[in-house]
Amino acid sequence: MRVEQLSSQETERFLKSRSSGVLAVSMGEIPYCVPMAYGYDGESLYFMVSNTGRLLDYMRAGANTGCFTVFEAGLESDSYISVILEGPVSKVAGHEIMHAASAIERQLRKPKGSLRGLAESSQGSERTGIYKLTIRTRSGRKKTGGVF
């Protein structure tokens, strides 16, 4: 088994080449993890939280630090690659909403402007919104060959 740290260039390429991961937030001792599509701009991850649910409840109740994991595991081999990002999570507001929507569109390869209406309607909404994780720490690893 060989586990290596990803270089900053490898980490950047990997984050730009994927479009989903797992967001973890916590309220006290109770963590909650949920798969999310994301947009990435080099400094932050952006994701949409809509309707109702436990994640929105956590966000509205003050869960303001998150951990986001993007990974790929080889189904036919023992290899994997993963990046873990940590930082504060906050609702996006004002002029940043369109920037966030564009980052999500690019990451998901959606037509430019396709999330504009949804992004505009999220302003001032208590039930939906675009959130961001401002990346404070990042680490990446890859494993090639061997046994887990």
Protein backbone atom coordinates (compact mmCIF):
# COMPACT_ATOMS: atom_id res chain seq x y z
CA MET A 1 0.00 0.00 0.00
CA ARG A 2 1.31 3.40 -0.92
CA VAL A 3 -0.41 6.54 0.39
CA GLU A 4 0.82 9.93 -0.78
CA GLN A 5 -0.14 13.52 -0.11
CA LEU A 6 -1.54 15.33 -3.14
CA SER A 7 0.37 18.36 -4.34
CA SER A 8 -1.51 21.65 -4.40
CA GLN A 9 -1.74 21.35 -8.21
CA GLU A 10 -3.17 17.82 -7.97
CA THR A 11 -5.67 18.98 -5.34
CA GLU A 12 -6.77 21.88 -7.54
CA ARG A 13 -7.17 19.69 -10.63
CA PHE A 14 -9.13 17.10 -8.68
CA LEU A 15 -11.55 19.66 -7.18
CA LYS A 16 -12.14 21.21 -10.59
CA SER A 17 -12.75 17.83 -12.23
CA ARG A 18 -15.48 16.65 -9.84
CA SER A 19 -18.90 18.05 -9.06
CA SER A 20 -20.06 16.35 -5.87
CA GLY A 21 -18.90 15.41 -2.41
CA VAL A 22 -20.12 15.01 1.13
CA LEU A 23 -20.75 17.98 3.43
CA ALA A 24 -20.56 17.39 7.18
CA VAL A 25 -21.85 19.87 9.73
CA SER A 26 -22.40 19.44 13.43
CA MET A 27 -24.72 20.69 16.12
CA GLY A 28 -23.04 19.91 19.39
CA GLU A 29 -22.20 16.23 19.37
CA ILE A 30 -24.58 15.29 16.56
CA PRO A 31 -22.95 15.38 13.10
CA TYR A 32 -24.89 15.34 9.88
CA CYS A 33 -23.40 14.38 6.51
CA VAL A 34 -25.11 14.84 3.18
CA PRO A 35 -24.00 14.39 -0.44
CA MET A 36 -23.97 17.70 -2.30
CA ALA A 37 -23.23 19.03 -5.77
CA TYR A 38 -20.85 21.98 -5.58
CA GLY A 39 -19.26 24.85 -7.40
CA TYR A 40 -15.64 25.75 -6.75
CA ASP A 41 -13.84 29.03 -7.38
CA GLY A 42 -10.44 28.32 -5.84
CA GLU A 43 -11.27 29.83 -2.45
CA SER A 44 -14.75 28.58 -1.61
CA LEU A 45 -17.21 25.80 -2.35
CA TYR A 46 -20.78 26.82 -3.14
CA PHE A 47 -23.83 24.61 -2.82
CA MET A 48 -27.58 24.99 -2.90
CA VAL A 49 -29.75 24.11 0.06
CA SER A 50 -33.44 24.02 -0.72
CA ASN A 51 -36.84 23.23 0.71
CA THR A 52 -36.81 21.71 4.16
CA GLY A 53 -34.67 19.16 5.85
CA ARG A 54 -32.11 18.45 8.47
CA LEU A 55 -29.27 20.29 6.72
CA LEU A 56 -31.29 23.49 6.46
CA ASP A 57 -32.35 23.08 10.09
CA TYR A 58 -28.69 22.76 11.12
CA MET A 59 -27.71 25.82 9.10
CA ARG A 60 -30.49 27.96 10.49
CA ALA A 61 -29.72 26.77 14.04
CA GLY A 62 -26.12 27.93 13.81
CA ALA A 63 -24.01 25.10 12.38
CA ASN A 64 -21.35 27.37 10.98
CA THR A 65 -18.32 25.13 10.45
CA GLY A 66 -18.20 22.41 7.85
CA CYS A 67 -16.05 19.69 6.44
CA PHE A 68 -16.42 18.74 2.77
CA THR A 69 -14.96 15.57 1.28
CA VAL A 70 -14.55 14.97 -2.44
CA PHE A 71 -13.39 11.48 -3.32
CA GLU A 72 -13.10 8.77 -5.90
CA ALA A 73 -12.57 5.13 -4.99
CA GLY A 74 -11.57 2.52 -7.52
CA LEU A 75 -14.26 -0.15 -7.66
CA GLU A 76 -12.00 -2.65 -9.38
CA SER A 77 -8.81 -1.74 -7.53
CA ASP A 78 -7.59 -0.69 -4.13
CA SER A 79 -6.82 2.86 -5.18
CA TYR A 80 -8.49 6.08 -4.05
CA ILE A 81 -8.07 9.81 -4.11
CA SER A 82 -9.68 12.22 -1.69
CA VAL A 83 -9.60 15.88 -0.75
CA ILE A 84 -10.90 17.20 2.57
CA LEU A 85 -11.78 20.88 2.93
CA GLU A 86 -12.68 22.61 6.19
CA GLY A 87 -13.92 26.07 7.03
CA PRO A 88 -16.80 28.29 8.01
CA VAL A 89 -20.15 27.80 6.28
CA SER A 90 -22.40 30.78 5.64
CA LYS A 91 -25.34 31.80 3.51
CA VAL A 92 -24.40 33.77 0.40
CA ALA A 93 -26.04 37.15 0.00
CA GLY A 94 -25.95 40.24 -2.19
CA HIS A 95 -23.68 40.42 -5.21
CA GLU A 96 -22.00 37.13 -4.29
CA ILE A 97 -25.13 35.14 -5.19
CA MET A 98 -24.56 35.47 -8.94
CA HIS A 99 -20.87 34.59 -8.54
CA ALA A 100 -21.87 31.48 -6.57
CA ALA A 101 -24.51 30.48 -9.12
CA SER A 102 -21.95 30.83 -11.92
CA ALA A 103 -19.44 28.68 -10.01
CA ILE A 104 -22.07 25.96 -9.56
CA GLU A 105 -23.09 26.17 -13.25
CA ARG A 106 -19.46 25.79 -14.39
CA GLN A 107 -18.82 22.84 -12.08
CA LEU A 108 -22.01 21.04 -13.12
CA ARG A 109 -21.48 21.97 -16.79
CA LYS A 110 -24.85 23.68 -16.99
CA PRO A 111 -25.60 26.48 -19.46
CA LYS A 112 -24.55 29.93 -18.30
CA GLY A 113 -27.47 31.65 -16.56
CA SER A 114 -29.41 28.43 -15.96
CA LEU A 115 -29.38 28.95 -12.17
CA ARG A 116 -29.97 32.71 -12.30
CA GLY A 117 -33.69 32.55 -11.47
CA LEU A 118 -33.15 30.13 -8.61
CA ALA A 119 -30.26 32.21 -7.29
CA GLU A 120 -32.28 35.44 -7.42
CA SER A 121 -35.24 33.82 -5.66
CA SER A 122 -32.96 32.59 -2.87
CA GLN A 123 -32.19 36.17 -1.82
CA GLY A 124 -34.18 36.87 1.29
CA SER A 125 -35.65 33.37 1.35
CA GLU A 126 -35.67 31.54 4.66
CA ARG A 127 -36.34 28.21 2.97
CA THR A 128 -33.77 28.05 0.20
CA GLY A 129 -30.39 29.49 -0.42
CA ILE A 130 -26.89 29.23 -1.71
CA TYR A 131 -24.32 28.54 0.96
CA LYS A 132 -20.55 28.58 0.84
CA LEU A 133 -17.77 26.88 2.67
CA THR A 134 -14.82 29.28 2.81
CA ILE A 135 -11.81 26.98 2.62
CA ARG A 136 -9.48 27.42 5.58
CA THR A 137 -7.68 24.09 5.38
CA ARG A 138 -7.35 21.56 2.59
CA SER A 139 -5.61 18.23 2.38
CA GLY A 140 -5.53 15.52 -0.21
CA ARG A 141 -4.32 11.97 -0.39
CA LYS A 142 -4.11 9.23 -2.94
CA LYS A 143 -3.47 5.55 -2.56
CA THR A 144 -2.25 3.30 -5.29
CA GLY A 145 -2.05 -0.47 -5.15
CA GLY A 146 -2.00 -2.65 -2.07
CA VAL A 147 -4.71 -3.40 0.42
CA PHE A 148 -6.84 -0.95 2.41
